[in-house]
Structure formats: C-alpha cells, structure tokens
C-alpha atoms as a PDB file:
ATOM      1  CA  MET A   1      17.799  30.902 -12.639  1.00  0.00           C
ATOM      2  CA  SER A   2      17.995  30.272 -16.354  1.00  0.00           C
ATOM      3  CA  VAL A   3      16.448  32.570 -18.935  1.00  0.00           C
ATOM      4  CA  PHE A   4      14.147  29.703 -19.956  1.00  0.00           C
ATOM      5  CA  VAL A   5      12.750  29.375 -16.414  1.00  0.00           C
ATOM      6  CA  GLN A   6      12.405  33.159 -16.033  1.00  0.00           C
ATOM      7  CA  ALA A   7      10.433  33.349 -19.281  1.00  0.00           C
ATOM      8  CA  GLN A   8       8.129  30.541 -18.135  1.00  0.00           C
ATOM      9  CA  MET A   9       7.483  32.228 -14.784  1.00  0.00           C
ATOM     10  CA  LEU A  10       6.611  35.533 -16.484  1.00  0.00           C
ATOM     11  CA  SER A  11       4.591  33.870 -19.278  1.00  0.00           C
ATOM     12  CA  LEU A  12       6.840  35.517 -21.849  1.00  0.00           C
ATOM     13  CA  ASN A  13       8.097  34.329 -25.189  1.00  0.00           C
ATOM     14  CA  ARG A  14      11.792  33.688 -24.603  1.00  0.00           C
ATOM     15  CA  SER A  15      12.736  35.303 -27.906  1.00  0.00           C
ATOM     16  CA  SER A  16      11.315  38.626 -26.663  1.00  0.00           C
ATOM     17  CA  LEU A  17      13.949  38.707 -23.923  1.00  0.00           C
ATOM     18  CA  TYR A  18      16.674  38.872 -26.549  1.00  0.00           C
ATOM     19  CA  TYR A  19      15.007  41.651 -28.551  1.00  0.00           C
ATOM     20  CA  LYS A  20      17.077  44.748 -29.108  1.00  0.00           C
ATOM     21  CA  PRO A  21      15.388  47.819 -30.597  1.00  0.00           C
ATOM     22  CA  VAL A  22      16.581  48.670 -34.089  1.00  0.00           C
ATOM     23  CA  PRO A  23      17.917  52.248 -34.221  1.00  0.00           C
ATOM     24  CA  PRO A  24      16.631  54.510 -36.998  1.00  0.00           C
ATOM     25  CA  SER A  25      18.619  54.534 -40.217  1.00  0.00           C
ATOM     26  CA  GLU A  26      20.740  57.503 -41.231  1.00  0.00           C
ATOM     27  CA  GLU A  27      18.334  58.114 -44.107  1.00  0.00           C
ATOM     28  CA  GLU A  28      15.299  58.210 -41.790  1.00  0.00           C
ATOM     29  CA  ILE A  29      17.056  60.656 -39.466  1.00  0.00           C
ATOM     30  CA  ARG A  30      18.112  62.845 -42.385  1.00  0.00           C
ATOM     31  CA  LEU A  31      14.577  62.906 -43.844  1.00  0.00           C
ATOM     32  CA  LYS A  32      12.886  63.645 -40.528  1.00  0.00           C
ATOM     33  CA  HIS A  33      15.293  66.495 -39.850  1.00  0.00           C
ATOM     34  CA  ALA A  34      14.601  67.903 -43.321  1.00  0.00           C
ATOM     35  CA  ILE A  35      10.829  67.555 -42.845  1.00  0.00           C
ATOM     36  CA  ASP A  36      11.094  69.378 -39.525  1.00  0.00           C
ATOM     37  CA  GLU A  37      12.973  72.297 -41.109  1.00  0.00           C
ATOM     38  CA  ILE A  38      10.483  72.612 -43.966  1.00  0.00           C
ATOM     39  CA  TYR A  39       7.515  72.415 -41.598  1.00  0.00           C
ATOM     40  CA  THR A  40       8.995  74.985 -39.218  1.00  0.00           C
ATOM     41  CA  LYS A  41       9.514  77.398 -42.108  1.00  0.00           C
ATOM     42  CA  SER A  42       6.130  76.681 -43.730  1.00  0.00           C
ATOM     43  CA  PRO A  43       3.708  75.103 -41.209  1.00  0.00           C
ATOM     44  CA  TYR A  44       0.875  75.324 -43.723  1.00  0.00           C
ATOM     45  CA  PHE A  45       2.617  72.760 -45.970  1.00  0.00           C
ATOM     46  CA  GLY A  46       1.030  69.327 -46.081  1.00  0.00           C
ATOM     47  CA  SER A  47       2.708  66.081 -47.075  1.00  0.00           C
ATOM     48  CA  ARG A  48       2.340  66.773 -50.816  1.00  0.00           C
ATOM     49  CA  SER A  49       4.157  70.119 -50.664  1.00  0.00           C
ATOM     50  CA  ILE A  50       6.820  68.818 -48.298  1.00  0.00           C
ATOM     51  CA  THR A  51       7.465  65.860 -50.616  1.00  0.00           C
ATOM     52  CA  THR A  52       7.880  68.257 -53.541  1.00  0.00           C
ATOM     53  CA  VAL A  53      10.385  70.403 -51.623  1.00  0.00           C
ATOM     54  CA  LEU A  54      12.323  67.333 -50.476  1.00  0.00           C
ATOM     55  CA  LYS A  55      12.632  66.095 -54.060  1.00  0.00           C
ATOM     56  CA  ARG A  56      13.836  69.527 -55.190  1.00  0.00           C
ATOM     57  CA  GLU A  57      16.515  69.278 -52.511  1.00  0.00           C
ATOM     58  CA  GLY A  58      17.659  65.939 -53.898  1.00  0.00           C
ATOM     59  CA  HIS A  59      15.919  63.489 -51.563  1.00  0.00           C
ATOM     60  CA  LEU A  60      14.553  60.347 -53.179  1.00  0.00           C
ATOM     61  CA  VAL A  61      11.354  59.943 -51.188  1.00  0.00           C
ATOM     62  CA  SER A  62       7.724  59.050 -51.802  1.00  0.00           C
ATOM     63  CA  ARG A  63       4.739  60.939 -50.447  1.00  0.00           C
ATOM     64  CA  SER A  64       3.658  57.866 -48.474  1.00  0.00           C
ATOM     65  CA  THR A  65       7.000  57.854 -46.644  1.00  0.00           C
ATOM     66  CA  VAL A  66       6.660  61.567 -45.868  1.00  0.00           C
ATOM     67  CA  GLN A  67       3.120  60.961 -44.573  1.00  0.00           C
ATOM     68  CA  LYS A  68       4.369  58.123 -42.376  1.00  0.00           C
ATOM     69  CA  TYR A  69       7.193  60.206 -40.922  1.00  0.00           C
ATOM     70  CA  MET A  70       4.918  63.210 -40.346  1.00  0.00           C
ATOM     71  CA  ARG A  71       2.522  60.990 -38.394  1.00  0.00           C
ATOM     72  CA  GLU A  72       5.397  59.676 -36.297  1.00  0.00           C
ATOM     73  CA  MET A  73       6.619  63.241 -35.711  1.00  0.00           C
ATOM     74  CA  GLY A  74       3.134  64.501 -34.840  1.00  0.00           C
ATOM     75  CA  LEU A  75       3.054  67.036 -37.678  1.00  0.00           C
ATOM     76  CA  VAL A  76      -0.086  68.262 -39.432  1.00  0.00           C
ATOM     77  CA  ALA A  77      -0.387  71.332 -41.653  1.00  0.00           C
ATOM     78  CA  ILE A  78      -2.046  74.253 -39.858  1.00  0.00           C
ATOM     79  CA  HIS A  79      -5.088  74.022 -42.096  1.00  0.00           C
ATOM     80  CA  PRO A  80      -7.731  72.840 -41.345  1.00  0.00           C
ATOM     81  CA  GLY A  81      -6.226  73.225 -37.875  1.00  0.00           C
ATOM     82  CA  PRO A  82      -3.066  72.630 -35.850  1.00  0.00           C
ATOM     83  CA  ASN A  83      -2.855  69.198 -34.275  1.00  0.00           C
ATOM     84  CA  LEU A  84       0.737  68.297 -33.546  1.00  0.00           C
ATOM     85  CA  SER A  85      -0.161  65.198 -31.574  1.00  0.00           C
ATOM     86  CA  LYS A  86      -2.417  62.400 -32.737  1.00  0.00           C
ATOM     87  CA  ARG A  87      -5.889  62.277 -31.246  1.00  0.00           C
ATOM     88  CA  ASN A  88      -7.216  59.165 -29.487  1.00  0.00           C
ATOM     89  CA  HIS A  89     -10.893  59.042 -30.489  1.00  0.00           C
ATOM     90  CA  GLU A  90     -11.787  57.088 -27.340  1.00  0.00           C
ATOM     91  CA  HIS A  91     -10.801  60.080 -25.198  1.00  0.00           C
ATOM     92  CA  LYS A  92     -13.199  62.887 -24.315  1.00  0.00           C
ATOM     93  CA  VAL A  93     -12.644  66.177 -26.116  1.00  0.00           C
ATOM     94  CA  TYR A  94     -13.416  69.429 -24.308  1.00  0.00           C
ATOM     95  CA  PRO A  95     -14.906  72.545 -25.962  1.00  0.00           C
ATOM     96  CA  TYR A  96     -12.931  75.560 -27.048  1.00  0.00           C
ATOM     97  CA  LEU A  97     -13.297  78.294 -24.408  1.00  0.00           C
ATOM     98  CA  LEU A  98     -11.212  81.126 -25.833  1.00  0.00           C
ATOM     99  CA  ARG A  99     -13.484  82.570 -28.534  1.00  0.00           C
ATOM    100  CA  ASN A 100     -13.364  86.366 -28.129  1.00  0.00           C
ATOM    101  CA  ILE A 101     -11.211  86.031 -24.998  1.00  0.00           C
ATOM    102  CA  THR A 102      -7.770  87.655 -24.680  1.00  0.00           C
ATOM    103  CA  ALA A 103      -5.309  86.776 -21.939  1.00  0.00           C
ATOM    104  CA  SER A 104      -5.410  89.783 -19.601  1.00  0.00           C
ATOM    105  CA  TYR A 105      -3.198  88.849 -16.646  1.00  0.00           C
ATOM    106  CA  PRO A 106      -0.545  86.269 -15.681  1.00  0.00           C
ATOM    107  CA  ASN A 107      -1.946  82.753 -15.244  1.00  0.00           C
ATOM    108  CA  HIS A 108      -5.153  83.660 -17.038  1.00  0.00           C
ATOM    109  CA  ILE A 109      -4.450  81.303 -19.961  1.00  0.00           C
ATOM    110  CA  TRP A 110      -1.709  78.715 -20.463  1.00  0.00           C
ATOM    111  CA  GLY A 111      -1.127  77.102 -23.823  1.00  0.00           C
ATOM    112  CA  THR A 112       0.737  73.854 -24.376  1.00  0.00           C
ATOM    113  CA  ASP A 113       2.110  72.058 -27.400  1.00  0.00           C
ATOM    114  CA  ILE A 114       4.678  69.463 -28.488  1.00  0.00           C
ATOM    115  CA  THR A 115       7.432  69.840 -31.083  1.00  0.00           C
ATOM    116  CA  TYR A 116      10.180  67.730 -32.664  1.00  0.00           C
ATOM    117  CA  VAL A 117      13.805  68.256 -31.613  1.00  0.00           C
ATOM    118  CA  ARG A 118      16.524  66.834 -33.804  1.00  0.00           C
ATOM    119  CA  LEU A 119      19.655  65.116 -32.527  1.00  0.00           C
ATOM    120  CA  ARG A 120      22.727  64.090 -34.469  1.00  0.00           C
ATOM    121  CA  ARG A 121      21.594  60.449 -34.470  1.00  0.00           C
ATOM    122  CA  GLY A 122      17.915  60.655 -33.626  1.00  0.00           C
ATOM    123  CA  TRP A 123      15.339  62.961 -32.152  1.00  0.00           C
ATOM    124  CA  LEU A 124      13.420  63.988 -29.042  1.00  0.00           C
ATOM    125  CA  TYR A 125      10.084  65.669 -28.358  1.00  0.00           C
ATOM    126  CA  LEU A 126       9.728  68.934 -26.445  1.00  0.00           C
ATOM    127  CA  VAL A 127       6.603  70.036 -24.574  1.00  0.00           C
ATOM    128  CA  ALA A 128       6.145  73.444 -22.969  1.00  0.00           C
ATOM    129  CA  PHE A 129       3.502  75.286 -20.977  1.00  0.00           C
ATOM    130  CA  LEU A 130       3.424  78.951 -21.962  1.00  0.00           C
ATOM    131  CA  ASP A 131       1.628  81.773 -20.158  1.00  0.00           C
ATOM    132  CA  TRP A 132      -0.126  83.650 -22.962  1.00  0.00           C
ATOM    133  CA  TYR A 133      -0.220  87.032 -21.239  1.00  0.00           C
ATOM    134  CA  SER A 134       3.486  87.291 -20.402  1.00  0.00           C
ATOM    135  CA  ARG A 135       4.900  84.767 -22.936  1.00  0.00           C
ATOM    136  CA  TYR A 136       6.673  83.194 -19.947  1.00  0.00           C
ATOM    137  CA  VAL A 137       7.656  79.532 -20.401  1.00  0.00           C
ATOM    138  CA  VAL A 138       6.348  78.217 -17.100  1.00  0.00           C
ATOM    139  CA  SER A 139       7.685  74.684 -17.585  1.00  0.00           C
ATOM    140  CA  TRP A 140       9.008  72.316 -20.228  1.00  0.00           C
ATOM    141  CA  GLU A 141      10.202  68.732 -20.632  1.00  0.00           C
ATOM    142  CA  LEU A 142      11.903  66.460 -23.167  1.00  0.00           C
ATOM    143  CA  SER A 143      11.166  62.846 -24.087  1.00  0.00           C
ATOM    144  CA  ASP A 144      12.272  60.263 -26.618  1.00  0.00           C
ATOM    145  CA  ASN A 145       8.643  59.201 -27.198  1.00  0.00           C
ATOM    146  CA  LEU A 146       5.169  60.708 -27.378  1.00  0.00           C
ATOM    147  CA  GLU A 147       3.697  58.956 -24.337  1.00  0.00           C
ATOM    148  CA  VAL A 148       1.880  61.205 -21.867  1.00  0.00           C
ATOM    149  CA  ASP A 149       4.406  60.955 -19.008  1.00  0.00           C
ATOM    150  CA  PHE A 150       6.656  63.837 -20.063  1.00  0.00           C
ATOM    151  CA  VAL A 151       3.634  66.087 -20.573  1.00  0.00           C
ATOM    152  CA  LEU A 152       2.446  65.290 -17.044  1.00  0.00           C
ATOM    153  CA  SER A 153       5.928  65.920 -15.681  1.00  0.00           C
ATOM    154  CA  ALA A 154       5.978  69.380 -17.286  1.00  0.00           C
ATOM    155  CA  LEU A 155       2.437  70.157 -16.118  1.00  0.00           C
ATOM    156  CA  GLU A 156       3.182  69.155 -12.530  1.00  0.00           C
ATOM    157  CA  ALA A 157       6.360  71.256 -12.559  1.00  0.00           C
ATOM    158  CA  GLY A 158       4.393  74.213 -13.884  1.00  0.00           C
ATOM    159  CA  LEU A 159       1.719  73.914 -11.221  1.00  0.00           C
ATOM    160  CA  LYS A 160       4.405  74.342  -8.571  1.00  0.00           C
ATOM    161  CA  ILE A 161       5.001  77.829 -10.016  1.00  0.00           C
ATOM    162  CA  GLY A 162       1.483  78.983 -10.840  1.00  0.00           C
ATOM    163  CA  LYS A 163      -2.011  77.822 -11.768  1.00  0.00           C
ATOM    164  CA  PRO A 164      -3.890  79.018 -14.858  1.00  0.00           C
ATOM    165  CA  VAL A 165      -7.591  79.737 -14.979  1.00  0.00           C
ATOM    166  CA  ILE A 166      -7.723  78.052 -18.414  1.00  0.00           C
ATOM    167  CA  ALA A 167      -5.360  75.521 -19.989  1.00  0.00           C
ATOM    168  CA  ASN A 168      -5.576  75.331 -23.778  1.00  0.00           C
ATOM    169  CA  SER A 169      -4.204  72.538 -25.989  1.00  0.00           C
ATOM    170  CA  ASP A 170      -4.906  70.688 -29.181  1.00  0.00           C
ATOM    171  CA  GLN A 171      -6.837  67.407 -29.201  1.00  0.00           C
ATOM    172  CA  GLY A 172      -3.775  65.168 -29.157  1.00  0.00           C
ATOM    173  CA  SER A 173      -3.862  61.926 -27.213  1.00  0.00           C
ATOM    174  CA  GLN A 174      -1.518  63.319 -24.562  1.00  0.00           C
ATOM    175  CA  PHE A 175      -3.893  66.211 -23.803  1.00  0.00           C
ATOM    176  CA  THR A 176      -7.070  64.110 -23.853  1.00  0.00           C
ATOM    177  CA  SER A 177      -5.624  61.326 -21.693  1.00  0.00           C
ATOM    178  CA  ARG A 178      -7.398  60.609 -18.422  1.00  0.00           C
ATOM    179  CA  ARG A 179      -4.277  61.313 -16.366  1.00  0.00           C
ATOM    180  CA  TYR A 180      -3.737  64.746 -17.928  1.00  0.00           C
ATOM    181  CA  ILE A 181      -7.412  65.701 -17.671  1.00  0.00           C
ATOM    182  CA  ASP A 182      -7.643  64.523 -14.063  1.00  0.00           C
ATOM    183  CA  THR A 183      -4.625  66.633 -13.101  1.00  0.00           C
ATOM    184  CA  LEU A 184      -6.311  69.755 -14.487  1.00  0.00           C
ATOM    185  CA  ILE A 185      -9.714  68.960 -12.976  1.00  0.00           C
ATOM    186  CA  ASN A 186      -8.200  68.220  -9.562  1.00  0.00           C
ATOM    187  CA  SER A 187      -6.483  71.629  -9.727  1.00  0.00           C
ATOM    188  CA  SER A 188      -9.780  73.370 -10.646  1.00  0.00           C
ATOM    189  CA  ILE A 189      -8.434  74.451 -14.044  1.00  0.00           C
ATOM    190  CA  GLN A 190     -10.818  74.990 -16.958  1.00  0.00           C
ATOM    191  CA  ILE A 191      -9.976  72.868 -19.998  1.00  0.00           C
ATOM    192  CA  SER A 192     -10.030  74.309 -23.509  1.00  0.00           C
ATOM    193  CA  MET A 193      -9.183  72.407 -26.694  1.00  0.00           C
ATOM    194  CA  ASP A 194      -8.582  73.769 -30.176  1.00  0.00           C
ATOM    195  CA  GLY A 195     -11.118  72.727 -32.778  1.00  0.00           C
ATOM    196  CA  ARG A 196     -10.794  72.207 -36.493  1.00  0.00           C
ATOM    197  CA  GLY A 197     -10.219  75.353 -38.482  1.00  0.00           C
ATOM    198  CA  ARG A 198      -8.589  77.219 -35.589  1.00  0.00           C
ATOM    199  CA  ALA A 199      -5.133  77.569 -37.086  1.00  0.00           C
ATOM    200  CA  LEU A 200      -4.082  80.546 -34.946  1.00  0.00           C
ATOM    201  CA  ASP A 201      -5.200  79.258 -31.544  1.00  0.00           C
ATOM    202  CA  ASN A 202      -1.690  78.320 -30.472  1.00  0.00           C
ATOM    203  CA  ILE A 203       0.184  81.096 -32.233  1.00  0.00           C
ATOM    204  CA  PHE A 204       2.230  82.087 -29.174  1.00  0.00           C
ATOM    205  CA  THR A 205       3.619  78.568 -28.771  1.00  0.00           C
ATOM    206  CA  GLU A 206       4.228  78.278 -32.521  1.00  0.00           C
ATOM    207  CA  ARG A 207       6.314  81.461 -32.346  1.00  0.00           C
ATOM    208  CA  LEU A 208       8.221  80.017 -29.392  1.00  0.00           C
ATOM    209  CA  TRP A 209       9.017  76.828 -31.337  1.00  0.00           C
ATOM    210  CA  ARG A 210      10.251  78.843 -34.286  1.00  0.00           C
ATOM    211  CA  SER A 211      12.523  80.927 -32.048  1.00  0.00           C
ATOM    212  CA  VAL A 212      13.899  77.880 -30.225  1.00  0.00           C
ATOM    213  CA  LYS A 213      14.646  76.041 -33.460  1.00  0.00           C
ATOM    214  CA  TYR A 214      16.206  78.880 -35.442  1.00  0.00           C
ATOM    215  CA  GLN A 215      18.152  80.412 -32.559  1.00  0.00           C
ATOM    216  CA  GLU A 216      19.189  77.281 -30.670  1.00  0.00           C
ATOM    217  CA  ILE A 217      18.406  73.821 -32.078  1.00  0.00           C
ATOM    218  CA  TYR A 218      19.343  74.324 -35.730  1.00  0.00           C
ATOM    219  CA  ILE A 219      22.666  76.014 -34.959  1.00  0.00           C
ATOM    220  CA  ASN A 220      23.726  73.323 -32.498  1.00  0.00           C
ATOM    221  CA  ASP A 221      24.405  69.735 -33.454  1.00  0.00           C
ATOM    222  CA  TYR A 222      23.253  67.946 -30.321  1.00  0.00           C
ATOM    223  CA  ALA A 223      25.058  64.651 -29.951  1.00  0.00           C
ATOM    224  CA  SER A 224      22.952  63.412 -27.034  1.00  0.00           C
ATOM    225  CA  PRO A 225      19.751  64.079 -25.097  1.00  0.00           C
ATOM    226  CA  ARG A 226      21.909  65.551 -22.326  1.00  0.00           C
ATOM    227  CA  GLU A 227      23.337  68.157 -24.706  1.00  0.00           C
ATOM    228  CA  ALA A 228      19.838  68.952 -25.973  1.00  0.00           C
ATOM    229  CA  ARG A 229      18.494  69.387 -22.447  1.00  0.00           C
ATOM    230  CA  TYR A 230      21.361  71.691 -21.513  1.00  0.00           C
ATOM    231  CA  GLY A 231      21.129  73.791 -24.683  1.00  0.00           C
ATOM    232  CA  ILE A 232      17.348  74.142 -24.675  1.00  0.00           C
ATOM    233  CA  GLY A 233      17.323  74.837 -20.939  1.00  0.00           C
ATOM    234  CA  ARG A 234      19.920  77.565 -21.354  1.00  0.00           C
ATOM    235  CA  TYR A 235      17.983  79.108 -24.242  1.00  0.00           C
ATOM    236  CA  LEU A 236      14.627  79.091 -22.438  1.00  0.00           C
ATOM    237  CA  GLU A 237      16.188  80.616 -19.344  1.00  0.00           C
ATOM    238  CA  SER A 238      17.525  83.451 -21.519  1.00  0.00           C
ATOM    239  CA  TYR A 239      14.159  83.720 -23.323  1.00  0.00           C
ATOM    240  CA  ASN A 240      12.365  84.100 -19.990  1.00  0.00           C
ATOM    241  CA  THR A 241      14.725  86.369 -18.099  1.00  0.00           C
ATOM    242  CA  TYR A 242      17.140  88.184 -20.428  1.00  0.00           C
ATOM    243  CA  ARG A 243      15.722  88.976 -23.849  1.00  0.00           C
ATOM    244  CA  PRO A 244      13.239  91.905 -23.920  1.00  0.00           C
ATOM    245  CA  HIS A 245      10.104  91.441 -26.015  1.00  0.00           C
ATOM    246  CA  GLN A 246       8.736  94.250 -28.149  1.00  0.00           C
ATOM    247  CA  ALA A 247       5.181  93.021 -27.548  1.00  0.00           C
ATOM    248  CA  LEU A 248       5.813  93.339 -23.801  1.00  0.00           C
ATOM    249  CA  LYS A 249       7.043  96.959 -24.060  1.00  0.00           C
ATOM    250  CA  GLU A 250      10.660  95.750 -23.945  1.00  0.00           C
ATOM    251  CA  LEU A 251      10.182  93.838 -20.701  1.00  0.00           C
ATOM    252  CA  THR A 252      11.160  90.198 -20.339  1.00  0.00           C
ATOM    253  CA  PRO A 253       8.497  87.494 -19.898  1.00  0.00           C
ATOM    254  CA  ALA A 254       9.679  86.901 -16.338  1.00  0.00           C
ATOM    255  CA  GLU A 255       9.307  90.598 -15.472  1.00  0.00           C
ATOM    256  CA  VAL A 256       5.718  90.562 -16.699  1.00  0.00           C
ATOM    257  CA  TYR A 257       4.789  87.149 -15.295  1.00  0.00           C
ATOM    258  CA  PHE A 258       6.102  87.827 -11.772  1.00  0.00           C
ATOM    259  CA  LYS A 259       5.147  91.495 -11.672  1.00  0.00           C
ATOM    260  CA  LYS A 260       3.195  92.256  -8.494  1.00  0.00           C
END
C-alpha cells in the first residue's frame, strides 16, 4: 500500500508522514545546562538574574530566550513559590494540608517533584517520590518529556512499596491531571498542593535534587538516557541504603523507612 493511500485512509497530511523532529542545537543544550547549574546553586534566581550570570560567563543570550528555556525546563524561582512544572488552569487544585504538620512516621507524608537532568546531547526529566520522615526515595522515573506518564509510572511503582497518608506536590499540570489525581483518590490518599509563597514546602526534595546533581549528574557526562538511568539509579540506591544521614541520627533512609 502506497504512502499516499495510507495517508488518505488515516485522514493525514502526507507531508506529516515524512516529518523528522529537529534535534536541539548545541547552543540550546549548552545554555540549558548552564541555566540548570545556576538554578541549582541559586534557586531564588529569576530569569533576570540568570541572564546576568550567563552574560558574565560569556554567553550571548537575551532574557527572553532565558525565559523561554526556563519555561521549557519547568523552572521558576522559589519566590513567590516553587513550581517546577507548569500549571494547567483547567485542572482542579487541592488545598495545602501541611500547615503546622510535621512528618512523624514512615508513609505519613510523601513529597514529589520534577527536575532537569542534562545529557551530553540533550536532557531528560527526573521525578521522585520522597518519604519526608525517613528521606527515603520510594520511587523515581526518567522521561524525555514532561507528559504525565512518567509521573504515574513512578507513583504506581511507589504504591507497590508503601502508601502515604498525604501526598504533597506543587500545582504543575502533571500533579493536577485527572489520571494522577484519580490514582491518589482511588488509593485513599489525601492530596496536598503547595500554594504561592510557600517556598520551603518541598525543601526535602530540593535537597535531594542538589545532592543528586552535585554528587552524580554534574560529575558524569551521560552520553545516553541509558547511562543516565544507570548512574542515577546507582546513586539513589546508595543514597537510600548506604550513606548515613546526620538528620536521621546517622541511620540510612532505608533503615528508618523500613524500621519495624
């Protein structure tokens, strides 16, 4: 069957069948990696400050380009509030439930967030579900886009290990999507969402991202998603089961999370 006939049967424009996605330019990759490093070091920097730092480092870039890339990367300065994934205003937003509440036992509160992971010739996005009491990374997943599927995959993997009383996130489109919300509701999990001005709500996950980037991602030049998955997986396994945490009285997250 010819391509012409196939296109007619599917009601498609034939030219779309020959479309090949255009890979990002070396300059775009270089700028996004630089933006990620600046943001990780100074998450309170907005596009104006990041543009200034980039120019000091020799990058010829406009603020509008930095704003565009930050939107694509899901980055927003922590004031007036953290929101590392873009909100869909058609989705329902749930109230913040954690005011004056401290995680007091494993699976009391899980926090989740998304961060940018650089590759040699591109980037990925990393999501994780973190138990706030033990700092245990219950589950994580990588994706080359910000669609909700990888978040659901990580959530479903996490629910095979434990179930939180409360799941806290920002108001990003992934976390307000019907599929994500339905998964939590069907598991009888209370839903909490950060509001504006709550810059420290996700501090545990922010600390995790900083550790992952400085101790693993930035010192390894991942050539492929497979290398990134292996390296990040190895690091998070060590984070969970090998490295003692001072805040946990020198126990590992796994020792606290699975403690009977």
